[in-house]
Amino acid sequence: MTSIKIGILTMRPESYSVKRLVEAAEQRGHQAKTIGYMETHMSIAAGRATLMYEGAPVEALDAVIPRIAAAYTFYGTAVVRQLEMMGMYTVNGSQAISRSRDKLRSFQILSRKGVGLPVTGFGHATRDTQGLVQTVGGPPIIIKLIEGTQGVGVVLAETMKAAESVIDTLRSLNVNFVVQEYIAEAVGKDLRCFVVGGRVVAAMERSAAPGEFRANLHRGGKAQRARLSPSERAAAVSAAKAMHLPVCGVDLIRSDHGPLVLEVNSSPGLEGIEQATGKDVASKIIEHIEKSVLAGGGKRDHVGV
């Protein structure tokens, strides 16, 4: 097999996910290097784009895996966009990453494509907080910051008074948020489906820690391998396709009316899902890159720059 050069954009080269991607690439005979994207700078001129890192231009890479932290989305996606301008194949595109970081925009895209979602409300005026809450069926409701991650900025409001208090506080701080119906039957559990190249390659069920309603592993949740129904598998694949993310983590909950998508994560971690399922997800990502670069010329269904 032809050896390919892979760049991994990251601020944490020591992380489990990055180490596994480097290991998987090298095991398949490829070259992999990490690039600290926040330490780069770029030159933009007529007909010419350059990215500098560690005092030298970034050389031509066959593929780039963006591992962009939520806190650095603006600069990180600018770096991804610069590499796209330089003609390099990026596994997930800059626009798709940006869209995935905005929960409201994500829900609007998924809704348009007919993907199952919890009923979601969004508003600006403070005069009809009760009306906004009733839009999603009334208390209890979930309140989420639009740019929150890993369960941060997610609140369960069990009464109208609690909902009004949280919403009024967020509005006074000029913070954007959405409200969602509370799916009681999910009982503190969700599914993380890891999608690569239009297929679910691994799935785990996460259970919230005692006294916690959020199932995120970063919030103390536990994980085990999950067996997906055909509808759950189809929902995950449809969500990834709608968001134009060939590699992503799709979070679902089970409801009485089918699977509902909570989030599509453009930089999902590998540690939790590889350990819970025993699946070599890193190698699946590298195999997808091989198919895209060697067979498909690096084309993907993504709107570029």
C-alpha atoms as a PDB file:
ATOM      1  CA  MET A   1       0.000   0.000   0.000  1.00  0.00           C
ATOM      2  CA  THR A   2       1.219   3.511  -0.795  1.00  0.00           C
ATOM      3  CA  SER A   3       2.429   5.383   2.283  1.00  0.00           C
ATOM      4  CA  ILE A   4       0.570   8.620   2.975  1.00  0.00           C
ATOM      5  CA  LYS A   5       1.460  11.644   5.094  1.00  0.00           C
ATOM      6  CA  ILE A   6      -1.082  12.471   7.782  1.00  0.00           C
ATOM      7  CA  GLY A   7      -1.133  15.595   9.936  1.00  0.00           C
ATOM      8  CA  ILE A   8      -3.076  15.679  13.207  1.00  0.00           C
ATOM      9  CA  LEU A   9      -4.140  19.126  14.398  1.00  0.00           C
ATOM     10  CA  THR A  10      -4.118  19.065  18.182  1.00  0.00           C
ATOM     11  CA  MET A  11      -3.147  20.968  21.299  1.00  0.00           C
ATOM     12  CA  ARG A  12      -2.674  17.724  23.244  1.00  0.00           C
ATOM     13  CA  PRO A  13      -0.264  15.395  21.426  1.00  0.00           C
ATOM     14  CA  GLU A  14       0.021  13.388  24.658  1.00  0.00           C
ATOM     15  CA  SER A  15      -3.697  12.557  24.716  1.00  0.00           C
ATOM     16  CA  TYR A  16      -4.953   8.998  24.294  1.00  0.00           C
ATOM     17  CA  SER A  17      -6.839   9.859  21.094  1.00  0.00           C
ATOM     18  CA  VAL A  18      -3.849  11.412  19.344  1.00  0.00           C
ATOM     19  CA  LYS A  19      -1.450   8.683  20.421  1.00  0.00           C
ATOM     20  CA  ARG A  20      -3.838   6.027  19.115  1.00  0.00           C
ATOM     21  CA  LEU A  21      -4.229   7.783  15.764  1.00  0.00           C
ATOM     22  CA  VAL A  22      -0.453   8.070  15.355  1.00  0.00           C
ATOM     23  CA  GLU A  23      -0.028   4.411  16.339  1.00  0.00           C
ATOM     24  CA  ALA A  24      -2.746   3.229  13.951  1.00  0.00           C
ATOM     25  CA  ALA A  25      -1.298   5.249  11.068  1.00  0.00           C
ATOM     26  CA  GLU A  26       2.225   3.932  11.621  1.00  0.00           C
ATOM     27  CA  GLN A  27       1.007   0.342  11.973  1.00  0.00           C
ATOM     28  CA  ARG A  28      -0.527   0.663   8.501  1.00  0.00           C
ATOM     29  CA  GLY A  29       2.724   2.002   7.054  1.00  0.00           C
ATOM     30  CA  HIS A  30       1.923   5.714   7.004  1.00  0.00           C
ATOM     31  CA  GLN A  31       3.658   8.798   8.384  1.00  0.00           C
ATOM     32  CA  ALA A  32       1.835  10.767  11.064  1.00  0.00           C
ATOM     33  CA  LYS A  33       2.867  14.031  12.682  1.00  0.00           C
ATOM     34  CA  THR A  34       1.141  16.310  15.157  1.00  0.00           C
ATOM     35  CA  ILE A  35       0.693  20.040  14.562  1.00  0.00           C
ATOM     36  CA  GLY A  36      -0.083  22.369  17.466  1.00  0.00           C
ATOM     37  CA  TYR A  37      -2.641  24.441  15.583  1.00  0.00           C
ATOM     38  CA  MET A  38      -2.717  27.268  18.154  1.00  0.00           C
ATOM     39  CA  GLU A  39       1.021  27.702  17.627  1.00  0.00           C
ATOM     40  CA  THR A  40       0.733  28.239  13.873  1.00  0.00           C
ATOM     41  CA  HIS A  41       0.418  31.456  11.922  1.00  0.00           C
ATOM     42  CA  MET A  42      -0.763  31.944   8.376  1.00  0.00           C
ATOM     43  CA  SER A  43      -0.049  34.104   5.362  1.00  0.00           C
ATOM     44  CA  ILE A  44      -2.945  34.943   3.033  1.00  0.00           C
ATOM     45  CA  ALA A  45      -2.178  36.622  -0.288  1.00  0.00           C
ATOM     46  CA  ALA A  46      -3.645  36.681  -3.790  1.00  0.00           C
ATOM     47  CA  GLY A  47      -3.509  33.121  -5.095  1.00  0.00           C
ATOM     48  CA  ARG A  48      -1.245  31.959  -2.282  1.00  0.00           C
ATOM     49  CA  ALA A  49      -1.889  30.527   1.180  1.00  0.00           C
ATOM     50  CA  THR A  50       0.807  29.434   3.640  1.00  0.00           C
ATOM     51  CA  LEU A  51       0.707  27.966   7.136  1.00  0.00           C
ATOM     52  CA  MET A  52       3.792  28.327   9.328  1.00  0.00           C
ATOM     53  CA  TYR A  53       4.609  26.002  12.220  1.00  0.00           C
ATOM     54  CA  GLU A  54       7.793  25.823  14.268  1.00  0.00           C
ATOM     55  CA  GLY A  55       9.504  28.309  11.975  1.00  0.00           C
ATOM     56  CA  ALA A  56       8.818  26.536   8.689  1.00  0.00           C
ATOM     57  CA  PRO A  57       5.931  26.210   6.207  1.00  0.00           C
ATOM     58  CA  VAL A  58       3.719  23.190   6.775  1.00  0.00           C
ATOM     59  CA  GLU A  59       4.638  20.735   4.029  1.00  0.00           C
ATOM     60  CA  ALA A  60       2.066  19.190   1.743  1.00  0.00           C
ATOM     61  CA  LEU A  61       0.096  16.529   3.584  1.00  0.00           C
ATOM     62  CA  ASP A  62      -2.071  13.840   2.028  1.00  0.00           C
ATOM     63  CA  ALA A  63      -4.626  14.117   4.830  1.00  0.00           C
ATOM     64  CA  VAL A  64      -5.316  16.157   7.938  1.00  0.00           C
ATOM     65  CA  ILE A  65      -7.235  14.997  11.014  1.00  0.00           C
ATOM     66  CA  PRO A  66      -8.571  18.062  12.868  1.00  0.00           C
ATOM     67  CA  ARG A  67      -8.786  17.608  16.643  1.00  0.00           C
ATOM     68  CA  ILE A  68     -10.073  21.107  17.428  1.00  0.00           C
ATOM     69  CA  ALA A  69     -10.932  21.912  21.052  1.00  0.00           C
ATOM     70  CA  ALA A  70     -14.241  23.712  21.576  1.00  0.00           C
ATOM     71  CA  ALA A  71     -12.543  26.636  23.325  1.00  0.00           C
ATOM     72  CA  TYR A  72     -10.405  27.290  20.234  1.00  0.00           C
ATOM     73  CA  THR A  73     -12.992  26.730  17.509  1.00  0.00           C
ATOM     74  CA  PHE A  74     -12.547  30.119  15.806  1.00  0.00           C
ATOM     75  CA  TYR A  75      -8.777  29.889  15.336  1.00  0.00           C
ATOM     76  CA  GLY A  76      -8.772  26.121  14.906  1.00  0.00           C
ATOM     77  CA  THR A  77     -11.265  26.192  12.050  1.00  0.00           C
ATOM     78  CA  ALA A  78      -9.322  29.068  10.462  1.00  0.00           C
ATOM     79  CA  VAL A  79      -6.284  26.766  10.384  1.00  0.00           C
ATOM     80  CA  VAL A  80      -8.361  23.950   8.868  1.00  0.00           C
ATOM     81  CA  ARG A  81      -9.695  26.402   6.270  1.00  0.00           C
ATOM     82  CA  GLN A  82      -6.146  27.512   5.438  1.00  0.00           C
ATOM     83  CA  LEU A  83      -5.129  23.912   4.799  1.00  0.00           C
ATOM     84  CA  GLU A  84      -8.206  23.453   2.602  1.00  0.00           C
ATOM     85  CA  MET A  85      -7.140  26.538   0.630  1.00  0.00           C
ATOM     86  CA  MET A  86      -3.730  24.904   0.232  1.00  0.00           C
ATOM     87  CA  GLY A  87      -5.440  21.928  -1.424  1.00  0.00           C
ATOM     88  CA  MET A  88      -5.091  19.444   1.427  1.00  0.00           C
ATOM     89  CA  TYR A  89      -7.744  16.863   2.313  1.00  0.00           C
ATOM     90  CA  THR A  90      -9.174  17.392   5.796  1.00  0.00           C
ATOM     91  CA  VAL A  91     -11.167  14.507   7.266  1.00  0.00           C
ATOM     92  CA  ASN A  92     -13.766  16.911   8.660  1.00  0.00           C
ATOM     93  CA  GLY A  93     -14.130  20.263   6.918  1.00  0.00           C
ATOM     94  CA  SER A  94     -13.885  23.690   8.526  1.00  0.00           C
ATOM     95  CA  GLN A  95     -17.509  24.650   7.913  1.00  0.00           C
ATOM     96  CA  ALA A  96     -18.816  21.344   9.240  1.00  0.00           C
ATOM     97  CA  ILE A  97     -16.768  21.713  12.429  1.00  0.00           C
ATOM     98  CA  SER A  98     -18.046  25.275  12.934  1.00  0.00           C
ATOM     99  CA  ARG A  99     -21.656  24.186  12.422  1.00  0.00           C
ATOM    100  CA  SER A 100     -21.301  21.308  14.889  1.00  0.00           C
ATOM    101  CA  ARG A 101     -20.123  23.684  17.638  1.00  0.00           C
ATOM    102  CA  ASP A 102     -23.342  25.730  17.462  1.00  0.00           C
ATOM    103  CA  LYS A 103     -26.104  23.618  19.039  1.00  0.00           C
ATOM    104  CA  LEU A 104     -28.909  25.759  17.644  1.00  0.00           C
ATOM    105  CA  ARG A 105     -27.563  25.621  14.104  1.00  0.00           C
ATOM    106  CA  SER A 106     -27.006  21.875  14.452  1.00  0.00           C
ATOM    107  CA  PHE A 107     -30.599  21.296  15.559  1.00  0.00           C
ATOM    108  CA  GLN A 108     -31.892  23.409  12.669  1.00  0.00           C
ATOM    109  CA  ILE A 109     -29.835  21.391  10.164  1.00  0.00           C
ATOM    110  CA  LEU A 110     -30.890  18.065  11.667  1.00  0.00           C
ATOM    111  CA  SER A 111     -34.527  19.167  11.797  1.00  0.00           C
ATOM    112  CA  ARG A 112     -34.458  20.131   8.119  1.00  0.00           C
ATOM    113  CA  LYS A 113     -33.133  16.663   7.248  1.00  0.00           C
ATOM    114  CA  GLY A 114     -35.846  14.939   9.279  1.00  0.00           C
ATOM    115  CA  VAL A 115     -33.529  13.535  11.950  1.00  0.00           C
ATOM    116  CA  GLY A 116     -35.309  12.747  15.242  1.00  0.00           C
ATOM    117  CA  LEU A 117     -34.658  15.346  17.977  1.00  0.00           C
ATOM    118  CA  PRO A 118     -36.059  16.334  21.353  1.00  0.00           C
ATOM    119  CA  VAL A 119     -38.445  19.272  20.839  1.00  0.00           C
ATOM    120  CA  THR A 120     -36.222  22.360  21.082  1.00  0.00           C
ATOM    121  CA  GLY A 121     -37.055  26.008  21.730  1.00  0.00           C
ATOM    122  CA  PHE A 122     -35.056  29.207  21.272  1.00  0.00           C
ATOM    123  CA  GLY A 123     -35.972  32.805  21.952  1.00  0.00           C
ATOM    124  CA  HIS A 124     -34.566  36.187  22.880  1.00  0.00           C
ATOM    125  CA  ALA A 125     -37.257  38.312  24.545  1.00  0.00           C
ATOM    126  CA  THR A 126     -37.694  38.063  28.324  1.00  0.00           C
ATOM    127  CA  ARG A 127     -41.401  38.868  28.266  1.00  0.00           C
ATOM    128  CA  ASP A 128     -42.680  35.361  27.589  1.00  0.00           C
ATOM    129  CA  THR A 129     -40.403  32.922  29.376  1.00  0.00           C
ATOM    130  CA  GLN A 130     -43.366  30.721  30.268  1.00  0.00           C
ATOM    131  CA  GLY A 131     -44.372  30.576  26.601  1.00  0.00           C
ATOM    132  CA  LEU A 132     -40.870  29.429  25.655  1.00  0.00           C
ATOM    133  CA  VAL A 133     -40.948  26.721  28.316  1.00  0.00           C
ATOM    134  CA  GLN A 134     -44.381  25.549  27.175  1.00  0.00           C
ATOM    135  CA  THR A 135     -43.067  25.315  23.602  1.00  0.00           C
ATOM    136  CA  VAL A 136     -41.189  22.172  24.652  1.00  0.00           C
ATOM    137  CA  GLY A 137     -44.024  20.758  26.769  1.00  0.00           C
ATOM    138  CA  GLY A 138     -43.457  22.503  30.092  1.00  0.00           C
ATOM    139  CA  PRO A 139     -41.339  21.459  33.088  1.00  0.00           C
ATOM    140  CA  PRO A 140     -39.230  19.532  33.627  1.00  0.00           C
ATOM    141  CA  ILE A 141     -37.043  20.854  30.806  1.00  0.00           C
ATOM    142  CA  ILE A 142     -33.376  20.825  29.815  1.00  0.00           C
ATOM    143  CA  ILE A 143     -31.602  24.170  29.327  1.00  0.00           C
ATOM    144  CA  LYS A 144     -28.374  24.091  27.277  1.00  0.00           C
ATOM    145  CA  LEU A 145     -25.785  26.704  26.429  1.00  0.00           C
ATOM    146  CA  ILE A 146     -25.461  26.831  22.647  1.00  0.00           C
ATOM    147  CA  GLU A 147     -21.693  26.362  22.763  1.00  0.00           C
ATOM    148  CA  GLY A 148     -21.392  24.079  25.801  1.00  0.00           C
ATOM    149  CA  THR A 149     -19.466  20.777  25.628  1.00  0.00           C
ATOM    150  CA  GLN A 150     -18.957  17.616  27.695  1.00  0.00           C
ATOM    151  CA  GLY A 151     -22.106  18.298  29.697  1.00  0.00           C
ATOM    152  CA  VAL A 152     -20.962  21.762  30.810  1.00  0.00           C
ATOM    153  CA  GLY A 153     -23.750  24.342  30.550  1.00  0.00           C
ATOM    154  CA  VAL A 154     -26.583  21.782  30.714  1.00  0.00           C
ATOM    155  CA  VAL A 155     -29.205  22.313  33.424  1.00  0.00           C
ATOM    156  CA  LEU A 156     -32.299  20.328  34.402  1.00  0.00           C
ATOM    157  CA  ALA A 157     -35.089  22.677  35.519  1.00  0.00           C
ATOM    158  CA  GLU A 158     -37.782  20.632  37.241  1.00  0.00           C
ATOM    159  CA  THR A 159     -40.336  23.405  37.878  1.00  0.00           C
ATOM    160  CA  MET A 160     -41.524  26.531  36.085  1.00  0.00           C
ATOM    161  CA  LYS A 161     -40.004  28.703  38.823  1.00  0.00           C
ATOM    162  CA  ALA A 162     -36.614  26.991  38.406  1.00  0.00           C
ATOM    163  CA  ALA A 163     -36.819  27.315  34.637  1.00  0.00           C
ATOM    164  CA  GLU A 164     -37.683  31.022  34.847  1.00  0.00           C
ATOM    165  CA  SER A 165     -34.821  31.631  37.282  1.00  0.00           C
ATOM    166  CA  VAL A 166     -32.198  29.941  35.086  1.00  0.00           C
ATOM    167  CA  ILE A 167     -33.498  31.502  31.859  1.00  0.00           C
ATOM    168  CA  ASP A 168     -33.709  35.005  33.335  1.00  0.00           C
ATOM    169  CA  THR A 169     -30.160  34.665  34.682  1.00  0.00           C
ATOM    170  CA  LEU A 170     -28.762  33.529  31.340  1.00  0.00           C
ATOM    171  CA  ARG A 171     -30.565  36.313  29.503  1.00  0.00           C
ATOM    172  CA  SER A 172     -29.236  38.924  31.948  1.00  0.00           C
ATOM    173  CA  LEU A 173     -25.728  37.686  31.078  1.00  0.00           C
ATOM    174  CA  ASN A 174     -26.556  37.859  27.340  1.00  0.00           C
ATOM    175  CA  VAL A 175     -25.813  34.140  26.985  1.00  0.00           C
ATOM    176  CA  ASN A 176     -27.407  32.181  24.140  1.00  0.00           C
ATOM    177  CA  PHE A 177     -29.149  28.948  25.080  1.00  0.00           C
ATOM    178  CA  VAL A 178     -31.827  26.509  23.947  1.00  0.00           C
ATOM    179  CA  VAL A 179     -34.511  24.702  25.921  1.00  0.00           C
ATOM    180  CA  GLN A 180     -35.472  21.096  25.245  1.00  0.00           C
ATOM    181  CA  GLU A 181     -38.125  18.662  26.326  1.00  0.00           C
ATOM    182  CA  TYR A 182     -37.033  16.293  29.070  1.00  0.00           C
ATOM    183  CA  ILE A 183     -37.185  12.645  27.989  1.00  0.00           C
ATOM    184  CA  ALA A 184     -38.002  10.902  31.270  1.00  0.00           C
ATOM    185  CA  GLU A 185     -37.741   7.381  29.854  1.00  0.00           C
ATOM    186  CA  ALA A 186     -34.061   7.938  28.995  1.00  0.00           C
ATOM    187  CA  VAL A 187     -33.428   7.753  32.795  1.00  0.00           C
ATOM    188  CA  GLY A 188     -29.903   9.196  32.758  1.00  0.00           C
ATOM    189  CA  LYS A 189     -28.630   7.071  29.875  1.00  0.00           C
ATOM    190  CA  ASP A 190     -27.514   7.884  26.358  1.00  0.00           C
ATOM    191  CA  LEU A 191     -25.733   6.262  23.433  1.00  0.00           C
ATOM    192  CA  ARG A 192     -22.487   7.424  21.823  1.00  0.00           C
ATOM    193  CA  CYS A 193     -22.314   6.150  18.248  1.00  0.00           C
ATOM    194  CA  PHE A 194     -18.958   6.553  16.533  1.00  0.00           C
ATOM    195  CA  VAL A 195     -19.510   7.095  12.810  1.00  0.00           C
ATOM    196  CA  VAL A 196     -16.703   6.726  10.267  1.00  0.00           C
ATOM    197  CA  GLY A 197     -17.310   7.029   6.541  1.00  0.00           C
ATOM    198  CA  GLY A 198     -21.074   6.584   6.766  1.00  0.00           C
ATOM    199  CA  ARG A 199     -21.009   3.549   9.097  1.00  0.00           C
ATOM    200  CA  VAL A 200     -21.324   3.136  12.856  1.00  0.00           C
ATOM    201  CA  VAL A 201     -18.052   1.409  13.775  1.00  0.00           C
ATOM    202  CA  ALA A 202     -18.583   1.334  17.555  1.00  0.00           C
ATOM    203  CA  ALA A 203     -21.297   2.233  20.060  1.00  0.00           C
ATOM    204  CA  MET A 204     -21.443   2.494  23.824  1.00  0.00           C
ATOM    205  CA  GLU A 205     -24.183   3.164  26.339  1.00  0.00           C
ATOM    206  CA  ARG A 206     -23.314   5.757  28.979  1.00  0.00           C
ATOM    207  CA  SER A 207     -25.054   5.829  32.364  1.00  0.00           C
ATOM    208  CA  ALA A 208     -25.055   8.885  34.606  1.00  0.00           C
ATOM    209  CA  ALA A 209     -23.392   8.849  38.006  1.00  0.00           C
ATOM    210  CA  PRO A 210     -25.721   8.653  41.046  1.00  0.00           C
ATOM    211  CA  GLY A 211     -27.598  11.936  41.505  1.00  0.00           C
ATOM    212  CA  GLU A 212     -26.585  13.148  38.032  1.00  0.00           C
ATOM    213  CA  PHE A 213     -28.813  13.312  34.944  1.00  0.00           C
ATOM    214  CA  ARG A 214     -25.984  13.869  32.428  1.00  0.00           C
ATOM    215  CA  ALA A 215     -24.392  10.659  31.152  1.00  0.00           C
ATOM    216  CA  ASN A 216     -21.125  12.245  29.919  1.00  0.00           C
ATOM    217  CA  LEU A 217     -18.006  10.329  30.984  1.00  0.00           C
ATOM    218  CA  HIS A 218     -16.463  13.686  31.928  1.00  0.00           C
ATOM    219  CA  ARG A 219     -19.281  14.027  34.482  1.00  0.00           C
ATOM    220  CA  GLY A 220     -18.506  10.670  36.104  1.00  0.00           C
ATOM    221  CA  GLY A 221     -20.717   8.503  33.897  1.00  0.00           C
ATOM    222  CA  LYS A 222     -20.013   4.828  33.231  1.00  0.00           C
ATOM    223  CA  ALA A 223     -19.886   3.193  29.809  1.00  0.00           C
ATOM    224  CA  GLN A 224     -20.459  -0.244  28.348  1.00  0.00           C
ATOM    225  CA  ARG A 225     -20.722  -1.677  24.861  1.00  0.00           C
ATOM    226  CA  ALA A 226     -24.143  -1.082  23.290  1.00  0.00           C
ATOM    227  CA  ARG A 227     -26.162  -3.108  20.846  1.00  0.00           C
ATOM    228  CA  LEU A 228     -27.969  -0.732  18.493  1.00  0.00           C
ATOM    229  CA  SER A 229     -31.324  -1.251  16.842  1.00  0.00           C
ATOM    230  CA  PRO A 230     -31.526  -0.652  13.082  1.00  0.00           C
ATOM    231  CA  SER A 231     -33.370   2.641  13.723  1.00  0.00           C
ATOM    232  CA  GLU A 232     -30.661   3.834  16.127  1.00  0.00           C
ATOM    233  CA  ARG A 233     -27.916   2.960  13.663  1.00  0.00           C
ATOM    234  CA  ALA A 234     -29.813   4.731  10.861  1.00  0.00           C
ATOM    235  CA  ALA A 235     -30.368   7.833  13.022  1.00  0.00           C
ATOM    236  CA  ALA A 236     -26.651   8.104  13.809  1.00  0.00           C
ATOM    237  CA  VAL A 237     -25.640   7.741  10.165  1.00  0.00           C
ATOM    238  CA  SER A 238     -28.302  10.239   9.039  1.00  0.00           C
ATOM    239  CA  ALA A 239     -27.142  12.796  11.614  1.00  0.00           C
ATOM    240  CA  ALA A 240     -23.496  12.468  10.547  1.00  0.00           C
ATOM    241  CA  LYS A 241     -24.476  12.843   6.898  1.00  0.00           C
ATOM    242  CA  ALA A 242     -26.688  15.878   7.599  1.00  0.00           C
ATOM    243  CA  MET A 243     -23.803  17.589   9.395  1.00  0.00           C
ATOM    244  CA  HIS A 244     -21.291  16.637   6.638  1.00  0.00           C
ATOM    245  CA  LEU A 245     -19.003  14.990   9.207  1.00  0.00           C
ATOM    246  CA  PRO A 246     -17.415  11.754   7.906  1.00  0.00           C
ATOM    247  CA  VAL A 247     -15.841  11.148  11.346  1.00  0.00           C
ATOM    248  CA  CYS A 248     -17.931  12.065  14.375  1.00  0.00           C
ATOM    249  CA  GLY A 249     -19.583  10.963  17.571  1.00  0.00           C
ATOM    250  CA  VAL A 250     -23.393  11.046  17.535  1.00  0.00           C
ATOM    251  CA  ASP A 251     -25.122  11.127  20.912  1.00  0.00           C
ATOM    252  CA  LEU A 252     -28.601   9.584  21.031  1.00  0.00           C
ATOM    253  CA  ILE A 253     -31.209   8.868  23.665  1.00  0.00           C
ATOM    254  CA  ARG A 254     -33.873   6.195  23.533  1.00  0.00           C
ATOM    255  CA  SER A 255     -37.410   7.536  23.749  1.00  0.00           C
ATOM    256  CA  ASP A 256     -40.887   6.073  23.514  1.00  0.00           C
ATOM    257  CA  HIS A 257     -41.077   7.470  19.970  1.00  0.00           C
ATOM    258  CA  GLY A 258     -37.691   6.313  18.721  1.00  0.00           C
ATOM    259  CA  PRO A 259     -34.051   7.469  18.900  1.00  0.00           C
ATOM    260  CA  LEU A 260     -33.464  11.202  19.376  1.00  0.00           C
ATOM    261  CA  VAL A 261     -30.186  12.958  18.557  1.00  0.00           C
ATOM    262  CA  LEU A 262     -28.714  15.156  21.295  1.00  0.00           C
ATOM    263  CA  GLU A 263     -25.450  16.209  19.666  1.00  0.00           C
ATOM    264  CA  VAL A 264     -23.026  15.527  16.830  1.00  0.00           C
ATOM    265  CA  ASN A 265     -19.420  15.853  18.031  1.00  0.00           C
ATOM    266  CA  SER A 266     -16.823  16.695  15.364  1.00  0.00           C
ATOM    267  CA  SER A 267     -13.805  15.805  17.572  1.00  0.00           C
ATOM    268  CA  PRO A 268     -14.948  12.769  19.566  1.00  0.00           C
ATOM    269  CA  GLY A 269     -12.540  11.155  21.990  1.00  0.00           C
ATOM    270  CA  LEU A 270     -11.368   7.579  21.404  1.00  0.00           C
ATOM    271  CA  GLU A 271     -10.470   6.444  24.899  1.00  0.00           C
ATOM    272  CA  GLY A 272     -13.931   5.878  26.338  1.00  0.00           C
ATOM    273  CA  ILE A 273     -15.380   4.118  23.310  1.00  0.00           C
ATOM    274  CA  GLU A 274     -12.341   1.939  22.562  1.00  0.00           C
ATOM    275  CA  GLN A 275     -12.157   0.795  26.163  1.00  0.00           C
ATOM    276  CA  ALA A 276     -15.908   0.200  26.478  1.00  0.00           C
ATOM    277  CA  THR A 277     -16.266  -1.692  23.188  1.00  0.00           C
ATOM    278  CA  GLY A 278     -12.861  -3.220  22.544  1.00  0.00           C
ATOM    279  CA  LYS A 279     -13.060  -1.852  18.988  1.00  0.00           C
ATOM    280  CA  ASP A 280     -10.010  -0.405  17.208  1.00  0.00           C
ATOM    281  CA  VAL A 281     -11.706   2.849  16.211  1.00  0.00           C
ATOM    282  CA  ALA A 282      -8.405   4.594  15.425  1.00  0.00           C
ATOM    283  CA  SER A 283      -7.633   2.088  12.662  1.00  0.00           C
ATOM    284  CA  LYS A 284     -11.121   2.561  11.201  1.00  0.00           C
ATOM    285  CA  ILE A 285     -10.374   6.294  10.881  1.00  0.00           C
ATOM    286  CA  ILE A 286      -7.050   5.594   9.150  1.00  0.00           C
ATOM    287  CA  GLU A 287      -8.755   3.098   6.801  1.00  0.00           C
ATOM    288  CA  HIS A 288     -11.302   5.775   5.904  1.00  0.00           C
ATOM    289  CA  ILE A 289      -8.459   8.180   5.091  1.00  0.00           C
ATOM    290  CA  GLU A 290      -6.819   5.539   2.882  1.00  0.00           C
ATOM    291  CA  LYS A 291     -10.032   5.058   0.907  1.00  0.00           C
ATOM    292  CA  SER A 292     -10.600   8.805   0.593  1.00  0.00           C
ATOM    293  CA  VAL A 293      -7.045   9.717  -0.416  1.00  0.00           C
ATOM    294  CA  LEU A 294      -5.888   6.691  -2.400  1.00  0.00           C
ATOM    295  CA  ALA A 295      -9.159   5.692  -4.050  1.00  0.00           C
ATOM    296  CA  GLY A 296     -11.279   8.825  -4.068  1.00  0.00           C
ATOM    297  CA  GLY A 297      -8.700  11.536  -4.549  1.00  0.00           C
ATOM    298  CA  GLY A 298      -9.511  13.141  -1.222  1.00  0.00           C
ATOM    299  CA  LYS A 299     -13.058  14.103  -2.197  1.00  0.00           C
ATOM    300  CA  ARG A 300     -15.785  14.196   0.422  1.00  0.00           C
ATOM    301  CA  ASP A 301     -19.356  15.386   0.657  1.00  0.00           C
ATOM    302  CA  HIS A 302     -18.499  18.658   2.325  1.00  0.00           C
ATOM    303  CA  VAL A 303     -18.756  22.297   1.333  1.00  0.00           C
ATOM    304  CA  GLY A 304     -15.176  23.552   1.484  1.00  0.00           C
ATOM    305  CA  VAL A 305     -13.927  27.074   1.949  1.00  0.00           C
END
